[in-house]
């Protein structure tokens, strides 16, 4: 199938499919006229990449997941190791975001939000030595 059909089938823009081809994640065959020809297996690979990216996996993790997908002798432990590492990264980001929220929420509450120029948020940001 052509790139447009493949993109519609998996819900990704054609530009994204071309990018994945450029970095070697999926390399469709070419027809005599030079058009890309995506096989069902190419679409499966793109579907895996698309879902993994939505879950926040990086390109290298996607590359490794695809290698494991293609390996009929893979151990699910290898897949789980990649997913666990990513889950730990997500948990770390959540913790960092929570700390930022804890720092910002009191500033927002302290700001009157009126027409006056005095602003607790800017006053705090301008002070040196504060923050975590």
N, C-alpha and C. Protein backbone atom coordinates (compact mmCIF):
# COMPACT_ATOMS: atom_id res chain seq x y z
N UNK A 1 0.83 -1.17 0.00
CA UNK A 1 0.00 0.00 0.00
C UNK A 1 0.88 1.24 0.00
N UNK A 2 0.35 2.32 -0.50
CA UNK A 2 1.11 3.57 -0.56
C UNK A 2 1.12 4.23 0.81
N UNK A 3 1.99 5.22 0.94
CA UNK A 3 2.20 5.87 2.22
C UNK A 3 0.92 6.47 2.78
N UNK A 4 0.11 7.06 1.93
CA UNK A 4 -1.14 7.68 2.37
C UNK A 4 -2.05 6.64 3.01
N UNK A 5 -2.17 5.49 2.37
CA UNK A 5 -3.01 4.42 2.90
C UNK A 5 -2.46 3.90 4.23
N UNK A 6 -1.16 3.70 4.30
CA UNK A 6 -0.54 3.19 5.52
C UNK A 6 -0.74 4.20 6.65
N UNK A 7 -0.56 5.47 6.36
CA UNK A 7 -0.71 6.51 7.37
C UNK A 7 -2.14 6.54 7.90
N UNK A 8 -3.11 6.43 7.02
CA UNK A 8 -4.51 6.43 7.44
C UNK A 8 -4.83 5.20 8.28
N UNK A 9 -4.27 4.07 7.90
CA UNK A 9 -4.53 2.81 8.59
C UNK A 9 -4.06 2.83 10.03
N UNK A 10 -2.94 3.50 10.30
CA UNK A 10 -2.39 3.50 11.65
C UNK A 10 -2.58 4.82 12.38
N UNK A 11 -3.09 5.83 11.69
CA UNK A 11 -3.38 7.10 12.35
C UNK A 11 -2.17 7.98 12.60
N UNK A 12 -1.18 7.89 11.72
CA UNK A 12 -0.01 8.75 11.82
C UNK A 12 0.12 9.57 10.54
N UNK A 13 0.68 10.76 10.62
CA UNK A 13 0.88 11.55 9.40
C UNK A 13 1.93 10.91 8.48
N UNK A 14 1.76 11.12 7.20
CA UNK A 14 2.73 10.61 6.22
C UNK A 14 4.14 11.12 6.52
N UNK A 15 4.24 12.36 6.98
CA UNK A 15 5.54 12.94 7.32
C UNK A 15 6.24 12.11 8.39
N UNK A 16 5.48 11.61 9.35
CA UNK A 16 6.05 10.78 10.42
C UNK A 16 6.56 9.46 9.85
N UNK A 17 5.80 8.88 8.93
CA UNK A 17 6.23 7.63 8.30
C UNK A 17 7.52 7.84 7.51
N UNK A 18 7.63 8.97 6.82
CA UNK A 18 8.87 9.27 6.09
C UNK A 18 10.04 9.43 7.06
N UNK A 19 9.79 10.07 8.21
CA UNK A 19 10.84 10.22 9.22
C UNK A 19 11.28 8.85 9.72
N UNK A 20 10.34 7.97 10.03
CA UNK A 20 10.70 6.64 10.51
C UNK A 20 11.49 5.88 9.45
N UNK A 21 11.20 6.14 8.20
CA UNK A 21 12.00 5.52 7.14
C UNK A 21 13.41 6.13 7.11
N UNK A 22 13.49 7.45 7.24
CA UNK A 22 14.79 8.13 7.21
C UNK A 22 15.73 7.62 8.30
N UNK A 23 15.18 7.28 9.47
CA UNK A 23 16.03 6.82 10.57
C UNK A 23 16.11 5.29 10.63
N UNK A 24 15.53 4.63 9.64
CA UNK A 24 15.69 3.19 9.50
C UNK A 24 14.81 2.32 10.37
N UNK A 25 13.74 2.87 10.95
CA UNK A 25 12.85 2.04 11.76
C UNK A 25 11.97 1.14 10.89
N UNK A 26 11.50 1.71 9.81
CA UNK A 26 10.69 0.95 8.85
C UNK A 26 11.16 1.35 7.46
N UNK A 27 11.50 0.37 6.66
CA UNK A 27 11.98 0.65 5.31
C UNK A 27 11.10 -0.10 4.32
N UNK A 28 10.08 0.57 3.78
CA UNK A 28 9.20 -0.11 2.83
C UNK A 28 9.92 -0.34 1.51
N UNK A 29 9.42 -1.30 0.77
CA UNK A 29 9.99 -1.53 -0.56
C UNK A 29 9.52 -0.39 -1.48
N UNK A 30 10.09 -0.34 -2.66
CA UNK A 30 9.73 0.69 -3.64
C UNK A 30 9.19 0.01 -4.89
N UNK A 31 8.14 0.61 -5.41
CA UNK A 31 7.59 0.13 -6.68
C UNK A 31 8.45 0.65 -7.82
N UNK A 32 8.21 0.19 -9.01
CA UNK A 32 8.96 0.63 -10.18
C UNK A 32 8.88 2.13 -10.40
N UNK A 33 7.77 2.74 -10.00
CA UNK A 33 7.61 4.18 -10.17
C UNK A 33 8.25 4.97 -9.02
N UNK A 34 8.89 4.27 -8.07
CA UNK A 34 9.56 4.93 -6.96
C UNK A 34 8.69 5.14 -5.73
N UNK A 35 7.40 4.85 -5.85
CA UNK A 35 6.51 5.02 -4.69
C UNK A 35 6.81 3.98 -3.63
N UNK A 36 6.64 4.39 -2.39
CA UNK A 36 6.81 3.44 -1.28
C UNK A 36 5.68 2.42 -1.34
N UNK A 37 6.02 1.19 -0.98
CA UNK A 37 5.03 0.11 -0.97
C UNK A 37 5.08 -0.55 0.41
N UNK A 38 4.16 -0.16 1.29
CA UNK A 38 4.13 -0.69 2.66
C UNK A 38 3.42 -2.03 2.69
N UNK A 39 4.09 -3.01 3.27
CA UNK A 39 3.50 -4.33 3.44
C UNK A 39 2.69 -4.35 4.73
N UNK A 40 1.95 -5.42 4.93
CA UNK A 40 1.21 -5.58 6.19
C UNK A 40 2.18 -5.60 7.37
N UNK A 41 3.34 -6.21 7.18
CA UNK A 41 4.34 -6.27 8.25
C UNK A 41 4.89 -4.87 8.54
N UNK A 42 5.09 -4.05 7.51
CA UNK A 42 5.52 -2.66 7.72
C UNK A 42 4.48 -1.92 8.56
N UNK A 43 3.22 -2.14 8.25
CA UNK A 43 2.14 -1.49 8.99
C UNK A 43 2.13 -1.95 10.45
N UNK A 44 2.38 -3.24 10.68
CA UNK A 44 2.46 -3.74 12.06
C UNK A 44 3.61 -3.06 12.81
N UNK A 45 4.73 -2.93 12.15
CA UNK A 45 5.88 -2.27 12.78
C UNK A 45 5.55 -0.81 13.09
N UNK A 46 4.92 -0.14 12.15
CA UNK A 46 4.53 1.26 12.36
C UNK A 46 3.52 1.39 13.50
N UNK A 47 2.63 0.44 13.59
CA UNK A 47 1.64 0.44 14.67
C UNK A 47 2.34 0.31 16.02
N UNK A 48 3.32 -0.57 16.10
CA UNK A 48 4.09 -0.74 17.34
C UNK A 48 4.81 0.56 17.68
N UNK A 49 5.46 1.15 16.70
CA UNK A 49 6.18 2.40 16.93
C UNK A 49 5.21 3.49 17.39
N UNK A 50 4.09 3.61 16.69
CA UNK A 50 3.12 4.65 17.03
C UNK A 50 2.60 4.52 18.45
N UNK A 51 2.25 3.30 18.84
CA UNK A 51 1.74 3.09 20.19
C UNK A 51 2.83 3.30 21.22
N UNK A 52 4.04 2.83 20.93
CA UNK A 52 5.15 3.01 21.86
C UNK A 52 5.47 4.50 22.04
N UNK A 53 5.45 5.26 20.95
CA UNK A 53 5.71 6.70 21.04
C UNK A 53 4.64 7.40 21.87
N UNK A 54 3.38 6.98 21.71
CA UNK A 54 2.30 7.57 22.51
C UNK A 54 2.49 7.28 23.99
N UNK A 55 3.14 6.18 24.30
CA UNK A 55 3.45 5.85 25.69
C UNK A 55 4.73 6.53 26.17
N UNK A 56 5.37 7.29 25.27
CA UNK A 56 6.53 8.07 25.64
C UNK A 56 7.88 7.39 25.43
N UNK A 57 7.89 6.22 24.82
CA UNK A 57 9.16 5.55 24.55
C UNK A 57 9.96 6.38 23.55
N UNK A 58 11.27 6.43 23.77
CA UNK A 58 12.16 7.13 22.85
C UNK A 58 12.42 6.30 21.61
N UNK A 59 13.04 6.92 20.64
CA UNK A 59 13.32 6.26 19.36
C UNK A 59 14.18 5.01 19.56
N UNK A 60 15.21 5.10 20.39
CA UNK A 60 16.08 3.93 20.59
C UNK A 60 15.32 2.79 21.27
N UNK A 61 14.46 3.14 22.22
CA UNK A 61 13.62 2.09 22.83
C UNK A 61 12.72 1.46 21.78
N UNK A 62 12.16 2.28 20.90
CA UNK A 62 11.31 1.74 19.82
C UNK A 62 12.12 0.80 18.93
N UNK A 63 13.34 1.22 18.62
CA UNK A 63 14.21 0.39 17.79
C UNK A 63 14.45 -0.97 18.47
N UNK A 64 14.72 -0.94 19.78
CA UNK A 64 14.96 -2.18 20.52
C UNK A 64 13.69 -3.02 20.63
N UNK A 65 12.55 -2.38 20.82
CA UNK A 65 11.29 -3.12 20.88
C UNK A 65 11.00 -3.79 19.54
N UNK A 66 11.30 -3.10 18.45
CA UNK A 66 11.10 -3.71 17.12
C UNK A 66 12.02 -4.90 16.91
N UNK A 67 13.26 -4.77 17.36
CA UNK A 67 14.19 -5.90 17.24
C UNK A 67 13.66 -7.11 18.02
N UNK A 68 13.13 -6.85 19.20
CA UNK A 68 12.57 -7.94 20.00
C UNK A 68 11.30 -8.50 19.36
N UNK A 69 10.50 -7.63 18.77
CA UNK A 69 9.28 -8.06 18.08
C UNK A 69 9.62 -9.04 16.96
N UNK A 70 10.71 -8.76 16.26
CA UNK A 70 11.11 -9.60 15.13
C UNK A 70 11.82 -10.87 15.56
N UNK A 71 12.31 -10.92 16.78
CA UNK A 71 13.06 -12.06 17.27
C UNK A 71 12.11 -13.11 17.85
N UNK A 72 11.91 -14.20 17.12
CA UNK A 72 10.99 -15.24 17.57
C UNK A 72 11.50 -15.97 18.81
N UNK A 73 12.77 -15.80 19.13
CA UNK A 73 13.36 -16.46 20.30
C UNK A 73 13.57 -15.47 21.44
N UNK A 74 12.88 -14.34 21.39
CA UNK A 74 13.04 -13.32 22.42
C UNK A 74 12.54 -13.84 23.77
N UNK A 75 13.01 -13.20 24.79
CA UNK A 75 12.51 -13.46 26.14
C UNK A 75 11.64 -12.26 26.52
N UNK A 76 10.47 -12.54 27.04
CA UNK A 76 9.61 -11.43 27.44
C UNK A 76 10.27 -10.58 28.51
N UNK A 77 11.21 -11.15 29.23
CA UNK A 77 11.96 -10.40 30.25
C UNK A 77 12.71 -9.24 29.61
N UNK A 78 13.19 -9.41 28.39
CA UNK A 78 13.91 -8.33 27.71
C UNK A 78 12.96 -7.17 27.38
N UNK A 79 11.76 -7.51 26.97
CA UNK A 79 10.76 -6.49 26.68
C UNK A 79 10.38 -5.79 27.98
N UNK A 80 10.15 -6.57 29.01
CA UNK A 80 9.74 -6.01 30.30
C UNK A 80 10.83 -5.09 30.86
N UNK A 81 12.08 -5.43 30.67
CA UNK A 81 13.18 -4.60 31.17
C UNK A 81 13.13 -3.20 30.53
N UNK A 82 12.86 -3.16 29.24
CA UNK A 82 12.76 -1.86 28.55
C UNK A 82 11.56 -1.08 29.10
N UNK A 83 10.43 -1.77 29.26
CA UNK A 83 9.23 -1.10 29.75
C UNK A 83 9.39 -0.63 31.19
N UNK A 84 10.04 -1.44 32.03
CA UNK A 84 10.26 -1.04 33.43
C UNK A 84 11.16 0.18 33.52
N UNK A 85 12.19 0.21 32.72
CA UNK A 85 13.10 1.36 32.72
C UNK A 85 12.33 2.63 32.32
N UNK A 86 11.46 2.49 31.34
CA UNK A 86 10.66 3.64 30.91
C UNK A 86 9.67 4.04 31.99
N UNK A 87 9.09 3.08 32.65
CA UNK A 87 8.15 3.36 33.74
C UNK A 87 8.85 4.12 34.87
N UNK A 88 10.09 3.76 35.16
CA UNK A 88 10.86 4.48 36.17
C UNK A 88 11.11 5.92 35.75
N UNK A 89 11.37 6.14 34.47
CA UNK A 89 11.55 7.51 33.96
C UNK A 89 10.26 8.30 34.12
N UNK A 90 9.13 7.67 33.83
CA UNK A 90 7.84 8.34 33.98
C UNK A 90 7.61 8.71 35.44
N UNK A 91 7.88 7.77 36.36
CA UNK A 91 7.70 8.05 37.78
C UNK A 91 8.59 9.20 38.23
N UNK A 92 9.82 9.27 37.71
CA UNK A 92 10.72 10.36 38.06
C UNK A 92 10.17 11.69 37.55
N UNK A 93 9.65 11.70 36.34
CA UNK A 93 9.08 12.94 35.79
C UNK A 93 7.86 13.37 36.61
N UNK A 94 7.04 12.41 37.02
CA UNK A 94 5.88 12.74 37.85
C UNK A 94 6.34 13.37 39.16
N UNK A 95 7.36 12.81 39.78
CA UNK A 95 7.88 13.36 41.04
C UNK A 95 8.41 14.78 40.82
N UNK A 96 9.11 15.01 39.72
CA UNK A 96 9.64 16.34 39.42
C UNK A 96 8.50 17.33 39.19
N UNK A 97 7.49 16.90 38.46
CA UNK A 97 6.33 17.77 38.22
C UNK A 97 5.59 18.08 39.51
N UNK A 98 5.49 17.11 40.40
CA UNK A 98 4.82 17.33 41.68
C UNK A 98 5.59 18.36 42.51
N UNK A 99 6.92 18.27 42.50
CA UNK A 99 7.74 19.25 43.23
C UNK A 99 7.55 20.65 42.63
N UNK A 100 7.50 20.75 41.31
CA UNK A 100 7.28 22.04 40.67
C UNK A 100 5.91 22.60 41.06
N UNK A 101 4.91 21.72 41.10
CA UNK A 101 3.57 22.15 41.47
C UNK A 101 3.54 22.66 42.91
N UNK A 102 4.23 21.93 43.79
CA UNK A 102 4.29 22.34 45.20
C UNK A 102 4.97 23.70 45.37
N UNK A 103 5.92 24.01 44.51
CA UNK A 103 6.59 25.30 44.56
C UNK A 103 5.73 26.40 43.95
N UNK A 104 5.04 26.10 42.88
CA UNK A 104 4.30 27.12 42.14
C UNK A 104 2.93 27.42 42.74
N UNK A 105 2.24 26.44 43.27
CA UNK A 105 0.88 26.65 43.77
C UNK A 105 0.79 27.76 44.82
N UNK A 106 1.69 27.80 45.81
CA UNK A 106 1.60 28.89 46.79
C UNK A 106 1.84 30.27 46.17
N UNK A 107 2.69 30.32 45.15
CA UNK A 107 2.94 31.60 44.47
C UNK A 107 1.70 32.07 43.74
N UNK A 108 1.04 31.15 43.06
CA UNK A 108 -0.20 31.50 42.36
C UNK A 108 -1.25 31.97 43.36
N UNK A 109 -1.35 31.29 44.49
CA UNK A 109 -2.32 31.67 45.52
C UNK A 109 -1.99 33.04 46.10
N UNK A 110 -0.69 33.37 46.20
CA UNK A 110 -0.28 34.64 46.79
C UNK A 110 -0.43 35.82 45.82
N UNK A 111 -0.52 35.55 44.56
CA UNK A 111 -0.65 36.62 43.57
C UNK A 111 -2.11 37.09 43.54
N UNK A 112 -2.28 38.43 43.69
CA UNK A 112 -3.64 38.95 43.71
C UNK A 112 -4.32 38.85 42.35
N UNK A 113 -3.56 38.91 41.29
CA UNK A 113 -4.13 38.79 39.95
C UNK A 113 -5.02 39.95 39.58
N UNK A 114 -4.67 41.15 40.06
CA UNK A 114 -5.47 42.33 39.75
C UNK A 114 -4.68 43.26 38.83
N UNK A 115 -5.09 44.52 38.77
CA UNK A 115 -4.43 45.49 37.90
C UNK A 115 -3.17 46.09 38.51
N UNK A 116 -2.89 45.76 39.76
CA UNK A 116 -1.70 46.27 40.44
C UNK A 116 -0.45 45.60 39.86
N UNK A 117 0.65 46.33 39.81
CA UNK A 117 1.90 45.80 39.26
C UNK A 117 2.59 44.81 40.19
N UNK A 118 2.30 44.90 41.48
CA UNK A 118 2.94 44.00 42.45
C UNK A 118 2.47 42.57 42.20
N UNK A 119 3.44 41.66 42.06
CA UNK A 119 3.10 40.27 41.75
C UNK A 119 3.99 39.33 42.56
N UNK A 120 3.38 38.53 43.40
CA UNK A 120 4.13 37.60 44.25
C UNK A 120 4.93 36.60 43.40
N UNK A 121 4.42 36.23 42.26
CA UNK A 121 5.11 35.26 41.40
C UNK A 121 6.42 35.85 40.89
N UNK A 122 6.34 37.06 40.32
CA UNK A 122 7.56 37.69 39.80
C UNK A 122 8.52 38.05 40.93
N UNK A 123 8.00 38.48 42.05
CA UNK A 123 8.87 38.80 43.19
C UNK A 123 9.67 37.57 43.60
N UNK A 124 9.01 36.42 43.67
CA UNK A 124 9.71 35.20 44.06
C UNK A 124 10.73 34.78 43.00
N UNK A 125 10.33 34.86 41.74
CA UNK A 125 11.26 34.47 40.66
C UNK A 125 12.51 35.35 40.64
N UNK A 126 12.35 36.61 41.06
CA UNK A 126 13.47 37.56 41.03
C UNK A 126 14.43 37.36 42.21
N UNK A 127 14.00 36.64 43.23
CA UNK A 127 14.87 36.43 44.39
C UNK A 127 15.90 35.36 44.09
N UNK A 128 17.13 35.61 44.52
CA UNK A 128 18.19 34.61 44.30
C UNK A 128 18.21 33.60 45.43
N UNK A 129 18.72 32.44 45.15
CA UNK A 129 18.91 31.42 46.17
C UNK A 129 17.67 30.63 46.52
N UNK A 130 16.57 30.90 45.88
CA UNK A 130 15.37 30.13 46.17
C UNK A 130 15.23 29.02 45.15
N UNK A 131 14.43 28.10 45.45
CA UNK A 131 14.17 26.98 44.55
C UNK A 131 14.87 25.74 45.04
N UNK A 132 14.56 24.65 44.40
CA UNK A 132 15.10 23.36 44.84
C UNK A 132 16.34 22.99 44.08
